[in-house]
Structure formats: C-alpha cells, structure tokens
C-alpha cells in the first residue's frame, strides 16, 4: 500500500475498527507481559541456570564430558585447598 492510499484507508476506518485494533493491541501487550513475568520468576531462572550448568557438562547427545568434569573438580579441590591453608595460618 502506498502512503497516500494508506492515509486514505486510515481516514476511512470507523471508530469500531479503531477500538477493535486498540483492544487487540492491548491483549497482545497483556500476553507479552504475562510471558515475561513467567520467565523471570525465581523458579524459572533457577531452572534455566540448571539447564545451562547441565549443558556445560554434557555433549549434544547427553553424554558426560569428562574433560569438563575434571576441570571443575580440579578447580573445586584447588579452592578447598586454599581455604584450608588460609585457616591454618
């Protein structure tokens, strides 16, 4: 539609058409806000975080990635060793 014909079409829309358009836009906005709220609940965020961690330690077939598990274990042991060493001083 050209700008001129779009302007003509907009001028010919009735009040009922405009109210229906506003109501549809309002419903879409309410739906979008509800979806955003559901995605930002603490439970949803924990679930996404858990999937991210699980995905880090598994491959695309669901198998364990031993090299990543070993790295995580080494880092954990290192942090624990440093913590215990500091407490002894």
PDB file of N, CA and C in Angstrom:
ATOM      1  N   UNK A   1       0.833  -1.183   0.000  1.00  0.00           N
ATOM      2  CA  UNK A   1       0.000   0.000   0.000  1.00  0.00           C
ATOM      3  C   UNK A   1       0.872   1.239   0.000  1.00  0.00           C
ATOM      4  N   UNK A   2       0.594   2.200  -0.837  1.00  0.00           N
ATOM      5  CA  UNK A   2       1.373   3.440  -0.846  1.00  0.00           C
ATOM      6  C   UNK A   2       0.952   4.294   0.339  1.00  0.00           C
ATOM      7  N   UNK A   3       1.766   5.302   0.638  1.00  0.00           N
ATOM      8  CA  UNK A   3       1.469   6.170   1.775  1.00  0.00           C
ATOM      9  C   UNK A   3       0.140   6.888   1.593  1.00  0.00           C
ATOM     10  N   UNK A   4      -0.141   7.313   0.360  1.00  0.00           N
ATOM     11  CA  UNK A   4      -1.388   8.042   0.098  1.00  0.00           C
ATOM     12  C   UNK A   4      -2.588   7.125   0.292  1.00  0.00           C
ATOM     13  N   UNK A   5      -2.512   5.909  -0.236  1.00  0.00           N
ATOM     14  CA  UNK A   5      -3.658   5.012  -0.088  1.00  0.00           C
ATOM     15  C   UNK A   5      -3.782   4.541   1.351  1.00  0.00           C
ATOM     16  N   UNK A   6      -2.645   4.417   2.057  1.00  0.00           N
ATOM     17  CA  UNK A   6      -2.687   4.047   3.464  1.00  0.00           C
ATOM     18  C   UNK A   6      -3.360   5.157   4.277  1.00  0.00           C
ATOM     19  N   UNK A   7      -3.039   6.399   3.948  1.00  0.00           N
ATOM     20  CA  UNK A   7      -3.655   7.536   4.630  1.00  0.00           C
ATOM     21  C   UNK A   7      -5.149   7.576   4.342  1.00  0.00           C
ATOM     22  N   UNK A   8      -5.535   7.301   3.073  1.00  0.00           N
ATOM     23  CA  UNK A   8      -6.954   7.265   2.737  1.00  0.00           C
ATOM     24  C   UNK A   8      -7.651   6.158   3.511  1.00  0.00           C
ATOM     25  N   UNK A   9      -7.006   4.989   3.586  1.00  0.00           N
ATOM     26  CA  UNK A   9      -7.586   3.850   4.297  1.00  0.00           C
ATOM     27  C   UNK A   9      -7.728   4.170   5.782  1.00  0.00           C
ATOM     28  N   UNK A  10      -6.718   4.845   6.356  1.00  0.00           N
ATOM     29  CA  UNK A  10      -6.762   5.202   7.768  1.00  0.00           C
ATOM     30  C   UNK A  10      -7.887   6.194   8.019  1.00  0.00           C
ATOM     31  N   UNK A  11      -8.119   7.087   7.085  1.00  0.00           N
ATOM     32  CA  UNK A  11      -9.183   8.062   7.236  1.00  0.00           C
ATOM     33  C   UNK A  11     -10.562   7.431   7.137  1.00  0.00           C
ATOM     34  N   UNK A  12     -10.673   6.305   6.481  1.00  0.00           N
ATOM     35  CA  UNK A  12     -11.967   5.649   6.283  1.00  0.00           C
ATOM     36  C   UNK A  12     -12.287   4.639   7.379  1.00  0.00           C
ATOM     37  N   UNK A  13     -11.333   4.360   8.256  1.00  0.00           N
ATOM     38  CA  UNK A  13     -11.604   3.379   9.314  1.00  0.00           C
ATOM     39  C   UNK A  13     -12.628   3.953  10.288  1.00  0.00           C
ATOM     40  N   UNK A  14     -13.488   3.108  10.729  1.00  0.00           N
ATOM     41  CA  UNK A  14     -14.533   3.561  11.650  1.00  0.00           C
ATOM     42  C   UNK A  14     -14.023   3.506  13.083  1.00  0.00           C
ATOM     43  N   UNK A  15     -14.770   4.109  13.942  1.00  0.00           N
ATOM     44  CA  UNK A  15     -14.445   4.097  15.362  1.00  0.00           C
ATOM     45  C   UNK A  15     -14.414   2.659  15.882  1.00  0.00           C
ATOM     46  N   UNK A  16     -15.317   1.839  15.426  1.00  0.00           N
ATOM     47  CA  UNK A  16     -15.372   0.432  15.846  1.00  0.00           C
ATOM     48  C   UNK A  16     -14.087  -0.291  15.422  1.00  0.00           C
ATOM     49  N   UNK A  17     -13.601  -0.012  14.203  1.00  0.00           N
ATOM     50  CA  UNK A  17     -12.358  -0.630  13.728  1.00  0.00           C
ATOM     51  C   UNK A  17     -11.183  -0.204  14.612  1.00  0.00           C
ATOM     52  N   UNK A  18     -11.133   1.074  14.928  1.00  0.00           N
ATOM     53  CA  UNK A  18     -10.046   1.573  15.764  1.00  0.00           C
ATOM     54  C   UNK A  18     -10.101   0.980  17.172  1.00  0.00           C
ATOM     55  N   UNK A  19     -11.310   0.883  17.731  1.00  0.00           N
ATOM     56  CA  UNK A  19     -11.454   0.293  19.062  1.00  0.00           C
ATOM     57  C   UNK A  19     -11.041  -1.180  19.051  1.00  0.00           C
ATOM     58  N   UNK A  20     -11.387  -1.888  17.997  1.00  0.00           N
ATOM     59  CA  UNK A  20     -11.006  -3.293  17.886  1.00  0.00           C
ATOM     60  C   UNK A  20      -9.486  -3.425  17.777  1.00  0.00           C
ATOM     61  N   UNK A  21      -8.868  -2.538  17.023  1.00  0.00           N
ATOM     62  CA  UNK A  21      -7.413  -2.560  16.874  1.00  0.00           C
ATOM     63  C   UNK A  21      -6.720  -2.271  18.198  1.00  0.00           C
ATOM     64  N   UNK A  22      -7.232  -1.299  18.940  1.00  0.00           N
ATOM     65  CA  UNK A  22      -6.664  -0.970  20.251  1.00  0.00           C
ATOM     66  C   UNK A  22      -6.855  -2.133  21.215  1.00  0.00           C
ATOM     67  N   UNK A  23      -8.021  -2.754  21.196  1.00  0.00           N
ATOM     68  CA  UNK A  23      -8.280  -3.899  22.082  1.00  0.00           C
ATOM     69  C   UNK A  23      -7.351  -5.063  21.749  1.00  0.00           C
ATOM     70  N   UNK A  24      -7.118  -5.322  20.476  1.00  0.00           N
ATOM     71  CA  UNK A  24      -6.215  -6.400  20.070  1.00  0.00           C
ATOM     72  C   UNK A  24      -4.791  -6.098  20.512  1.00  0.00           C
ATOM     73  N   UNK A  25      -4.367  -4.851  20.354  1.00  0.00           N
ATOM     74  CA  UNK A  25      -3.022  -4.460  20.778  1.00  0.00           C
ATOM     75  C   UNK A  25      -2.885  -4.588  22.291  1.00  0.00           C
ATOM     76  N   UNK A  26      -3.935  -4.220  23.014  1.00  0.00           N
ATOM     77  CA  UNK A  26      -3.916  -4.324  24.471  1.00  0.00           C
ATOM     78  C   UNK A  26      -3.793  -5.789  24.898  1.00  0.00           C
ATOM     79  N   UNK A  27      -4.548  -6.674  24.255  1.00  0.00           N
ATOM     80  CA  UNK A  27      -4.473  -8.105  24.575  1.00  0.00           C
ATOM     81  C   UNK A  27      -3.085  -8.659  24.290  1.00  0.00           C
ATOM     82  N   UNK A  28      -2.487  -8.238  23.201  1.00  0.00           N
ATOM     83  CA  UNK A  28      -1.136  -8.699  22.858  1.00  0.00           C
ATOM     84  C   UNK A  28      -0.127  -8.212  23.893  1.00  0.00           C
ATOM     85  N   UNK A  29      -0.289  -6.972  24.346  1.00  0.00           N
ATOM     86  CA  UNK A  29       0.596  -6.423  25.366  1.00  0.00           C
ATOM     87  C   UNK A  29       0.447  -7.187  26.682  1.00  0.00           C
ATOM     88  N   UNK A  30      -0.776  -7.448  27.092  1.00  0.00           N
ATOM     89  CA  UNK A  30      -1.026  -8.198  28.329  1.00  0.00           C
ATOM     90  C   UNK A  30      -0.404  -9.587  28.230  1.00  0.00           C
ATOM     91  N   UNK A  31      -0.553 -10.223  27.094  1.00  0.00           N
ATOM     92  CA  UNK A  31       0.025 -11.551  26.889  1.00  0.00           C
ATOM     93  C   UNK A  31       1.551 -11.508  26.966  1.00  0.00           C
ATOM     94  N   UNK A  32       2.146 -10.508  26.352  1.00  0.00           N
ATOM     95  CA  UNK A  32       3.605 -10.361  26.379  1.00  0.00           C
ATOM     96  C   UNK A  32       4.114 -10.128  27.794  1.00  0.00           C
ATOM     97  N   UNK A  33       3.426  -9.303  28.546  1.00  0.00           N
ATOM     98  CA  UNK A  33       3.834  -9.020  29.922  1.00  0.00           C
ATOM     99  C   UNK A  33       3.704 -10.276  30.780  1.00  0.00           C
ATOM    100  N   UNK A  34       2.636 -11.028  30.590  1.00  0.00           N
ATOM    101  CA  UNK A  34       2.457 -12.269  31.347  1.00  0.00           C
ATOM    102  C   UNK A  34       3.572 -13.263  31.036  1.00  0.00           C
ATOM    103  N   UNK A  35       3.951 -13.358  29.771  1.00  0.00           N
ATOM    104  CA  UNK A  35       5.038 -14.256  29.369  1.00  0.00           C
ATOM    105  C   UNK A  35       6.356 -13.813  30.005  1.00  0.00           C
ATOM    106  N   UNK A  36       6.633 -12.523  29.984  1.00  0.00           N
ATOM    107  CA  UNK A  36       7.863 -12.015  30.602  1.00  0.00           C
ATOM    108  C   UNK A  36       7.882 -12.278  32.107  1.00  0.00           C
ATOM    109  N   UNK A  37       6.734 -12.086  32.766  1.00  0.00           N
ATOM    110  CA  UNK A  37       6.652 -12.350  34.203  1.00  0.00           C
ATOM    111  C   UNK A  37       6.935 -13.811  34.499  1.00  0.00           C
ATOM    112  N   UNK A  38       6.391 -14.707  33.682  1.00  0.00           N
ATOM    113  CA  UNK A  38       6.601 -16.138  33.932  1.00  0.00           C
ATOM    114  C   UNK A  38       8.056 -16.534  33.708  1.00  0.00           C
ATOM    115  N   UNK A  39       8.747 -15.848  32.819  1.00  0.00           N
ATOM    116  CA  UNK A  39      10.148 -16.163  32.546  1.00  0.00           C
ATOM    117  C   UNK A  39      11.087 -15.605  33.608  1.00  0.00           C
ATOM    118  N   UNK A  40      10.638 -14.652  34.396  1.00  0.00           N
ATOM    119  CA  UNK A  40      11.508 -14.021  35.378  1.00  0.00           C
ATOM    120  C   UNK A  40      11.187 -14.416  36.816  1.00  0.00           C
ATOM    121  N   UNK A  41      10.379 -15.444  37.005  1.00  0.00           N
ATOM    122  CA  UNK A  41      10.144 -15.930  38.363  1.00  0.00           C
ATOM    123  C   UNK A  41      11.421 -16.604  38.851  1.00  0.00           C
ATOM    124  N   UNK A  42      11.646 -16.627  40.145  1.00  0.00           N
ATOM    125  CA  UNK A  42      12.848 -17.296  40.657  1.00  0.00           C
ATOM    126  C   UNK A  42      12.941 -18.758  40.211  1.00  0.00           C
ATOM    127  N   UNK A  43      11.830 -19.460  40.212  1.00  0.00           N
ATOM    128  CA  UNK A  43      11.856 -20.872  39.806  1.00  0.00           C
ATOM    129  C   UNK A  43      12.274 -21.029  38.342  1.00  0.00           C
ATOM    130  N   UNK A  44      11.779 -20.169  37.479  1.00  0.00           N
ATOM    131  CA  UNK A  44      12.142 -20.245  36.062  1.00  0.00           C
ATOM    132  C   UNK A  44      13.615 -19.914  35.864  1.00  0.00           C
ATOM    133  N   UNK A  45      14.114 -18.954  36.620  1.00  0.00           N
ATOM    134  CA  UNK A  45      15.523 -18.579  36.491  1.00  0.00           C
ATOM    135  C   UNK A  45      16.433 -19.699  36.993  1.00  0.00           C
ATOM    136  N   UNK A  46      16.046 -20.359  38.088  1.00  0.00           N
ATOM    137  CA  UNK A  46      16.822 -21.487  38.598  1.00  0.00           C
ATOM    138  C   UNK A  46      16.822 -22.622  37.582  1.00  0.00           C
ATOM    139  N   UNK A  47      15.657 -22.868  36.989  1.00  0.00           N
ATOM    140  CA  UNK A  47      15.559 -23.935  36.001  1.00  0.00           C
ATOM    141  C   UNK A  47      16.470 -23.651  34.795  1.00  0.00           C
ATOM    142  N   UNK A  48      16.474 -22.413  34.315  1.00  0.00           N
ATOM    143  CA  UNK A  48      17.351 -22.051  33.190  1.00  0.00           C
ATOM    144  C   UNK A  48      18.816 -22.188  33.573  1.00  0.00           C
ATOM    145  N   UNK A  49      19.156 -21.769  34.791  1.00  0.00           N
ATOM    146  CA  UNK A  49      20.531 -21.899  35.259  1.00  0.00           C
ATOM    147  C   UNK A  49      20.953 -23.353  35.363  1.00  0.00           C
ATOM    148  N   UNK A  50      20.063 -24.193  35.859  1.00  0.00           N
ATOM    149  CA  UNK A  50      20.354 -25.624  35.959  1.00  0.00           C
ATOM    150  C   UNK A  50      20.582 -26.247  34.592  1.00  0.00           C
ATOM    151  N   UNK A  51      19.763 -25.855  33.636  1.00  0.00           N
ATOM    152  CA  UNK A  51      19.941 -26.375  32.263  1.00  0.00           C
ATOM    153  C   UNK A  51      21.269 -25.914  31.679  1.00  0.00           C
ATOM    154  N   UNK A  52      21.662 -24.686  31.989  1.00  0.00           N
ATOM    155  CA  UNK A  52      22.929 -24.165  31.470  1.00  0.00           C
ATOM    156  C   UNK A  52      24.106 -24.934  32.058  1.00  0.00           C
ATOM    157  N   UNK A  53      24.067 -25.197  33.359  1.00  0.00           N
ATOM    158  CA  UNK A  53      25.145 -25.958  34.002  1.00  0.00           C
ATOM    159  C   UNK A  53      25.168 -27.375  33.461  1.00  0.00           C
ATOM    160  N   UNK A  54      24.012 -28.000  33.392  1.00  0.00           N
ATOM    161  CA  UNK A  54      23.923 -29.364  32.869  1.00  0.00           C
ATOM    162  C   UNK A  54      24.443 -29.411  31.433  1.00  0.00           C
ATOM    163  N   UNK A  55      24.094 -28.420  30.648  1.00  0.00           N
ATOM    164  CA  UNK A  55      24.553 -28.357  29.259  1.00  0.00           C
ATOM    165  C   UNK A  55      26.055 -28.187  29.148  1.00  0.00           C
ATOM    166  N   UNK A  56      26.669 -27.524  30.117  1.00  0.00           N
ATOM    167  CA  UNK A  56      28.120 -27.332  30.099  1.00  0.00           C
ATOM    168  C   UNK A  56      28.843 -28.667  30.285  1.00  0.00           C
ATOM    169  N   UNK A  57      28.287 -29.537  31.111  1.00  0.00           N
ATOM    170  CA  UNK A  57      28.939 -30.802  31.421  1.00  0.00           C
ATOM    171  C   UNK A  57      28.510 -31.957  30.528  1.00  0.00           C
ATOM    172  N   UNK A  58      27.614 -31.715  29.590  1.00  0.00           N
ATOM    173  CA  UNK A  58      27.171 -32.785  28.696  1.00  0.00           C
ATOM    174  C   UNK A  58      27.359 -32.377  27.240  1.00  0.00           C
ATOM    175  N   UNK A  59      27.470 -33.389  26.387  1.00  0.00           N
ATOM    176  CA  UNK A  59      27.596 -33.101  24.957  1.00  0.00           C
ATOM    177  C   UNK A  59      26.218 -33.082  24.312  1.00  0.00           C
ATOM    178  N   UNK A  60      26.171 -32.912  23.003  1.00  0.00           N
ATOM    179  CA  UNK A  60      24.889 -32.790  22.305  1.00  0.00           C
ATOM    180  C   UNK A  60      24.051 -34.065  22.357  1.00  0.00           C
ATOM    181  N   UNK A  61      24.669 -35.193  22.733  1.00  0.00           N
ATOM    182  CA  UNK A  61      23.941 -36.461  22.822  1.00  0.00           C
ATOM    183  C   UNK A  61      23.538 -36.803  24.246  1.00  0.00           C
ATOM    184  N   UNK A  62      23.893 -35.933  25.195  1.00  0.00           N
ATOM    185  CA  UNK A  62      23.544 -36.161  26.594  1.00  0.00           C
ATOM    186  C   UNK A  62      24.629 -36.883  27.369  1.00  0.00           C
ATOM    187  N   UNK A  63      25.739 -37.188  26.722  1.00  0.00           N
ATOM    188  CA  UNK A  63      26.846 -37.864  27.397  1.00  0.00           C
ATOM    189  C   UNK A  63      27.677 -36.891  28.210  1.00  0.00           C
ATOM    190  N   UNK A  64      28.335 -37.416  29.224  1.00  0.00           N
ATOM    191  CA  UNK A  64      29.183 -36.603  30.098  1.00  0.00           C
ATOM    192  C   UNK A  64      30.456 -36.209  29.352  1.00  0.00           C
ATOM    193  N   UNK A  65      30.902 -34.978  29.560  1.00  0.00           N
ATOM    194  CA  UNK A  65      32.180 -34.514  29.007  1.00  0.00           C
ATOM    195  C   UNK A  65      33.224 -34.628  30.123  1.00  0.00           C
ATOM    196  N   UNK A  66      33.999 -35.708  30.122  1.00  0.00           N
ATOM    197  CA  UNK A  66      34.925 -35.941  31.237  1.00  0.00           C
ATOM    198  C   UNK A  66      35.952 -34.831  31.420  1.00  0.00           C
ATOM    199  N   UNK A  67      36.392 -34.190  30.326  1.00  0.00           N
ATOM    200  CA  UNK A  67      37.384 -33.129  30.461  1.00  0.00           C
ATOM    201  C   UNK A  67      36.823 -31.939  31.232  1.00  0.00           C
ATOM    202  N   UNK A  68      35.565 -31.646  31.037  1.00  0.00           N
ATOM    203  CA  UNK A  68      34.961 -30.509  31.755  1.00  0.00           C
ATOM    204  C   UNK A  68      34.687 -30.864  33.209  1.00  0.00           C
ATOM    205  N   UNK A  69      34.304 -32.111  33.459  1.00  0.00           N
ATOM    206  CA  UNK A  69      34.098 -32.556  34.839  1.00  0.00           C
ATOM    207  C   UNK A  69      35.431 -32.517  35.580  1.00  0.00           C
ATOM    208  N   UNK A  70      36.503 -32.957  34.925  1.00  0.00           N
ATOM    209  CA  UNK A  70      37.828 -32.954  35.549  1.00  0.00           C
ATOM    210  C   UNK A  70      38.278 -31.528  35.865  1.00  0.00           C
ATOM    211  N   UNK A  71      38.036 -30.610  34.959  1.00  0.00           N
ATOM    212  CA  UNK A  71      38.415 -29.208  35.200  1.00  0.00           C
ATOM    213  C   UNK A  71      37.647 -28.653  36.396  1.00  0.00           C
ATOM    214  N   UNK A  72      36.354 -28.907  36.445  1.00  0.00           N
ATOM    215  CA  UNK A  72      35.538 -28.415  37.553  1.00  0.00           C
ATOM    216  C   UNK A  72      35.992 -29.031  38.869  1.00  0.00           C
ATOM    217  N   UNK A  73      36.310 -30.318  38.857  1.00  0.00           N
ATOM    218  CA  UNK A  73      36.782 -30.988  40.073  1.00  0.00           C
ATOM    219  C   UNK A  73      38.122 -30.400  40.515  1.00  0.00           C
ATOM    220  N   UNK A  74      39.024 -30.153  39.578  1.00  0.00           N
ATOM    221  CA  UNK A  74      40.332 -29.589  39.916  1.00  0.00           C
ATOM    222  C   UNK A  74      40.190 -28.192  40.517  1.00  0.00           C
ATOM    223  N   UNK A  75      39.316 -27.397  39.943  1.00  0.00           N
ATOM    224  CA  UNK A  75      39.087 -26.046  40.481  1.00  0.00           C
ATOM    225  C   UNK A  75      38.508 -26.131  41.888  1.00  0.00           C
ATOM    226  N   UNK A  76      37.570 -27.033  42.104  1.00  0.00           N
ATOM    227  CA  UNK A  76      36.953 -27.194  43.421  1.00  0.00           C
ATOM    228  C   UNK A  76      37.992 -27.624  44.450  1.00  0.00           C
ATOM    229  N   UNK A  77      38.810 -28.606  44.099  1.00  0.00           N
ATOM    230  CA  UNK A  77      39.861 -29.069  45.018  1.00  0.00           C
ATOM    231  C   UNK A  77      40.843 -27.930  45.300  1.00  0.00           C
ATOM    232  N   UNK A  78      41.209 -27.175  44.291  1.00  0.00           N
ATOM    233  CA  UNK A  78      42.120 -26.051  44.486  1.00  0.00           C
ATOM    234  C   UNK A  78      41.556 -24.999  45.423  1.00  0.00           C
ATOM    235  N   UNK A  79      40.308 -24.661  45.236  1.00  0.00           N
ATOM    236  CA  UNK A  79      39.664 -23.662  46.110  1.00  0.00           C
ATOM    237  C   UNK A  79      39.598 -24.180  47.536  1.00  0.00           C
ATOM    238  N   UNK A  80      39.236 -25.446  47.706  1.00  0.00           N
ATOM    239  CA  UNK A  80      39.179 -26.021  49.052  1.00  0.00           C
ATOM    240  C   UNK A  80      40.559 -26.046  49.700  1.00  0.00           C
ATOM    241  N   UNK A  81      41.586 -26.394  48.935  1.00  0.00           N
ATOM    242  CA  UNK A  81      42.949 -26.422  49.472  1.00  0.00           C
ATOM    243  C   UNK A  81      43.380 -25.032  49.922  1.00  0.00           C
ATOM    244  N   UNK A  82      43.097 -24.026  49.124  1.00  0.00           N
ATOM    245  CA  UNK A  82      43.448 -22.661  49.508  1.00  0.00           C
ATOM    246  C   UNK A  82      42.687 -22.214  50.752  1.00  0.00           C
ATOM    247  N   UNK A  83      41.439 -22.595  50.845  1.00  0.00           N
ATOM    248  CA  UNK A  83      40.621 -22.229  52.005  1.00  0.00           C
ATOM    249  C   UNK A  83      41.175 -22.856  53.272  1.00  0.00           C
ATOM    250  N   UNK A  84      41.491 -24.148  53.210  1.00  0.00           N
ATOM    251  CA  UNK A  84      42.030 -24.823  54.393  1.00  0.00           C
ATOM    252  C   UNK A  84      43.409 -24.275  54.760  1.00  0.00           C
ATOM    253  N   UNK A  85      44.220 -23.934  53.781  1.00  0.00           N
ATOM    254  CA  UNK A  85      45.548 -23.399  54.036  1.00  0.00           C
ATOM    255  C   UNK A  85      45.448 -22.049  54.741  1.00  0.00           C
ATOM    256  N   UNK A  86      44.511 -21.217  54.310  1.00  0.00           N
ATOM    257  CA  UNK A  86      44.346 -19.897  54.953  1.00  0.00           C
ATOM    258  C   UNK A  86      43.866 -20.028  56.390  1.00  0.00           C
ATOM    259  N   UNK A  87      43.030 -21.035  56.654  1.00  0.00           N
ATOM    260  CA  UNK A  87      42.503 -21.218  58.010  1.00  0.00           C
ATOM    261  C   UNK A  87      43.585 -21.682  58.968  1.00  0.00           C
ATOM    262  N   UNK A  88      44.570 -22.415  58.473  1.00  0.00           N
ATOM    263  CA  UNK A  88      45.649 -22.914  59.330  1.00  0.00           C
ATOM    264  C   UNK A  88      46.569 -21.791  59.775  1.00  0.00           C
ATOM    265  N   UNK A  89      46.676 -20.735  59.037  1.00  0.00           N
ATOM    266  CA  UNK A  89      47.589 -19.639  59.381  1.00  0.00           C
ATOM    267  C   UNK A  89      47.124 -18.825  60.507  1.00  0.00           C
TER     268      UNK A  89
END
